[in-house]
Protein backbone atom coordinates (compact mmCIF):
# COMPACT_ATOMS: atom_id res chain seq x y z
CA MET A 1 9.23 -31.43 57.39
CA ASN A 2 5.80 -30.80 55.86
CA GLY A 3 6.03 -27.16 56.94
CA LYS A 4 9.36 -26.74 55.12
CA ILE A 5 7.89 -28.18 51.92
CA ILE A 6 4.88 -25.86 52.10
CA VAL A 7 7.14 -22.83 52.72
CA GLY A 8 9.33 -23.90 49.79
CA ILE A 9 6.34 -24.30 47.47
CA VAL A 10 4.87 -20.93 48.52
CA SER A 11 8.27 -19.28 48.01
CA LEU A 12 8.58 -20.84 44.58
CA VAL A 13 5.08 -19.68 43.59
CA VAL A 14 5.78 -16.12 44.81
CA VAL A 15 9.13 -15.90 42.99
CA SER A 16 7.63 -17.39 39.81
CA SER A 17 4.74 -14.92 39.99
CA ILE A 18 7.10 -11.96 40.39
CA ILE A 19 9.22 -13.09 37.42
CA THR A 20 6.11 -13.61 35.27
CA LEU A 21 4.63 -10.21 36.15
CA THR A 22 7.95 -8.46 35.53
CA SER A 23 8.26 -10.15 32.15
CA LEU A 24 4.69 -9.23 31.14
CA ASN A 25 5.22 -5.63 32.24
CA SER A 26 8.45 -5.43 30.28
CA LYS A 27 6.76 -6.82 27.14
CA ALA A 28 3.89 -4.33 27.49
CA ARG A 29 6.35 -1.46 27.90
CA THR A 30 8.33 -2.62 24.86
CA LYS A 31 5.17 -2.88 22.77
CA LYS A 32 4.11 0.64 23.83
CA GLN A 33 7.55 2.07 22.96
CA MET A 34 7.44 0.42 19.54
CA GLU A 35 3.92 1.74 18.86
CA ASP A 36 4.95 5.25 19.91
CA THR A 37 8.01 5.09 17.64
CA ARG A 38 5.92 3.93 14.68
CA LYS A 39 3.57 6.90 15.21
CA GLU A 40 6.47 9.34 15.55
CA TYR A 41 8.12 7.99 12.37
CA PRO A 42 5.33 7.33 9.85
CA PRO A 43 6.14 5.30 6.73
CA PHE A 44 6.37 6.74 3.24
CA ASN A 45 2.99 6.97 1.53
CA ILE A 46 3.00 5.13 -1.79
CA ASP A 47 0.50 7.63 -3.25
CA LYS A 48 2.60 10.70 -2.43
CA SER A 49 5.86 11.95 -3.84
CA PHE A 50 8.71 12.68 -1.47
CA SER A 51 12.06 14.38 -1.60
CA GLY A 52 14.42 15.39 1.17
CA VAL A 53 17.96 15.42 2.49
CA VAL A 54 18.73 13.06 5.38
CA SER A 55 19.93 15.06 8.39
CA ASN A 56 20.12 12.10 10.78
CA VAL A 57 19.63 8.34 10.85
CA GLU A 58 17.91 7.73 14.17
CA HIS A 59 18.07 4.63 16.33
CA PRO A 60 15.33 5.30 18.89
CA TYR A 61 15.48 1.85 20.49
CA PRO A 62 18.61 0.08 19.24
CA ASP A 63 17.86 -3.04 21.29
CA PHE A 64 14.67 -3.59 19.27
CA PHE A 65 15.68 -2.45 15.80
CA ARG A 66 19.37 -3.21 15.38
CA ASP A 67 18.75 -6.58 13.73
CA ASN A 68 16.98 -5.17 10.66
CA PRO A 69 19.46 -3.79 8.09
CA HIS A 70 16.55 -3.01 5.73
CA GLN A 71 14.85 -0.48 8.01
CA ALA A 72 15.79 3.05 9.09
CA TYR A 73 14.26 5.83 11.15
CA LEU A 74 15.14 9.07 9.39
CA LEU A 75 15.16 12.73 10.28
CA PHE A 76 15.08 15.11 7.33
CA GLU A 77 15.89 18.80 7.13
CA GLY A 78 13.02 20.70 8.69
CA SER A 79 12.60 18.02 11.42
CA LEU A 80 10.36 15.75 9.30
CA LYS A 81 10.56 12.12 10.46
CA ARG A 82 9.97 9.02 8.38
CA ARG A 83 10.39 5.28 8.79
CA VAL A 84 11.55 3.33 5.77
CA SER A 85 11.69 -0.41 5.11
CA THR A 86 13.20 -1.66 1.87
CA SER A 87 14.31 -4.66 -0.12
CA TYR A 88 17.94 -5.16 -1.08
CA GLU A 89 19.32 -2.49 -3.41
CA LEU A 90 17.90 -3.33 -6.85
CA HIS A 91 21.24 -3.35 -8.74
CA ASN A 92 23.99 -4.14 -6.22
CA ASN A 93 22.13 -6.31 -3.71
CA GLU A 94 23.22 -4.10 -0.76
CA THR A 95 21.19 -3.41 2.38
CA LEU A 96 19.73 -0.01 3.22
CA ASP A 97 21.88 0.10 6.35
CA SER A 98 25.09 -0.30 4.33
CA VAL A 99 24.14 2.43 1.84
CA LEU A 100 22.28 5.20 3.69
CA ARG A 101 24.30 8.21 4.92
CA ILE A 102 23.60 11.63 6.40
CA GLY A 103 23.47 14.13 3.54
CA ASP A 104 21.93 11.68 1.05
CA PHE A 105 19.04 13.00 -1.05
CA LEU A 106 15.99 10.69 -1.06
CA PHE A 107 13.37 10.82 -3.78
CA LYS A 108 10.16 8.88 -4.36
CA GLN A 109 7.64 9.57 -7.11
CA SER A 110 3.91 9.42 -6.37
CA SER A 111 2.30 6.01 -7.04
CA SER A 112 5.75 4.42 -7.03
CA ASP A 113 7.17 1.80 -4.70
CA THR A 114 10.78 2.70 -5.54
CA LEU A 115 12.93 4.88 -3.32
CA PHE A 116 15.98 6.50 -4.89
CA ILE A 117 18.97 7.58 -2.84
CA TYR A 118 21.35 10.06 -4.45
CA ARG A 119 24.79 10.85 -3.08
CA ILE A 120 27.31 13.33 -4.44
CA GLN A 121 30.79 11.92 -4.11
CA ASN A 122 33.60 14.11 -5.43
CA THR A 123 32.19 15.15 -8.83
CA ASP A 124 30.02 12.05 -9.33
CA THR A 125 26.42 11.42 -8.38
CA ILE A 126 25.83 7.90 -7.11
CA LYS A 127 22.29 6.51 -7.36
CA PHE A 128 20.84 3.64 -5.34
CA SER A 129 17.37 2.16 -5.90
CA PHE A 130 15.31 0.29 -3.32
CA GLU A 131 11.85 -1.24 -3.42
CA LEU A 132 9.81 0.03 -0.47
CA ARG A 133 8.44 -2.59 1.89
CA ASP A 134 5.88 -2.58 4.68
CA ASP A 135 6.86 -3.24 8.30
CA LEU A 136 6.57 -7.00 7.78
CA GLY A 137 8.90 -6.94 4.76
CA TYR A 138 6.28 -7.38 2.04
CA PRO A 139 6.32 -5.19 -1.09
CA LEU A 140 4.54 -1.89 -0.50
CA LYS A 141 1.63 -2.02 -2.92
CA GLU A 142 -1.28 -0.58 -0.96
CA LYS A 143 -2.02 2.92 0.18
CA SER A 144 -0.33 3.78 3.48
CA ASN A 145 -2.36 4.92 6.50
CA ASN A 146 -0.26 8.06 6.59
CA THR A 147 -2.01 11.06 5.04
CA ASP A 148 0.97 13.39 5.47
CA ALA A 149 2.42 14.70 2.24
CA HIS A 150 5.86 16.13 1.72
């Protein structure tokens, strides 16, 4: 009977070790994918102006990012990529996810933390205003690490 207990304990340790290693490997892979995505889609730089037409709203890893309606990974005409995190819409209290569409024109003035989204609908121009946020959801007040200008 002692032999069966030892075999059972060894089996349990081996299975537990395999599960732990698989979990750690999965977490490391997830972290690497998220880091790569953040490099591929740099944030808006508060010190730079920006304007562009959204050609696609990307979802590079929907399992990781689907729960944040205030963040989007955008492709603009000319294949420029940007990541944007915002507050609620400043006048209607809507989320970025509920407002943003392909074909929208985005504009941000230099030294401003406000992102404007313009949409032409029939003969009207609809304007949405969002406060830019950092990846943790705090107001974007400091210079971004991104030195790209557009």
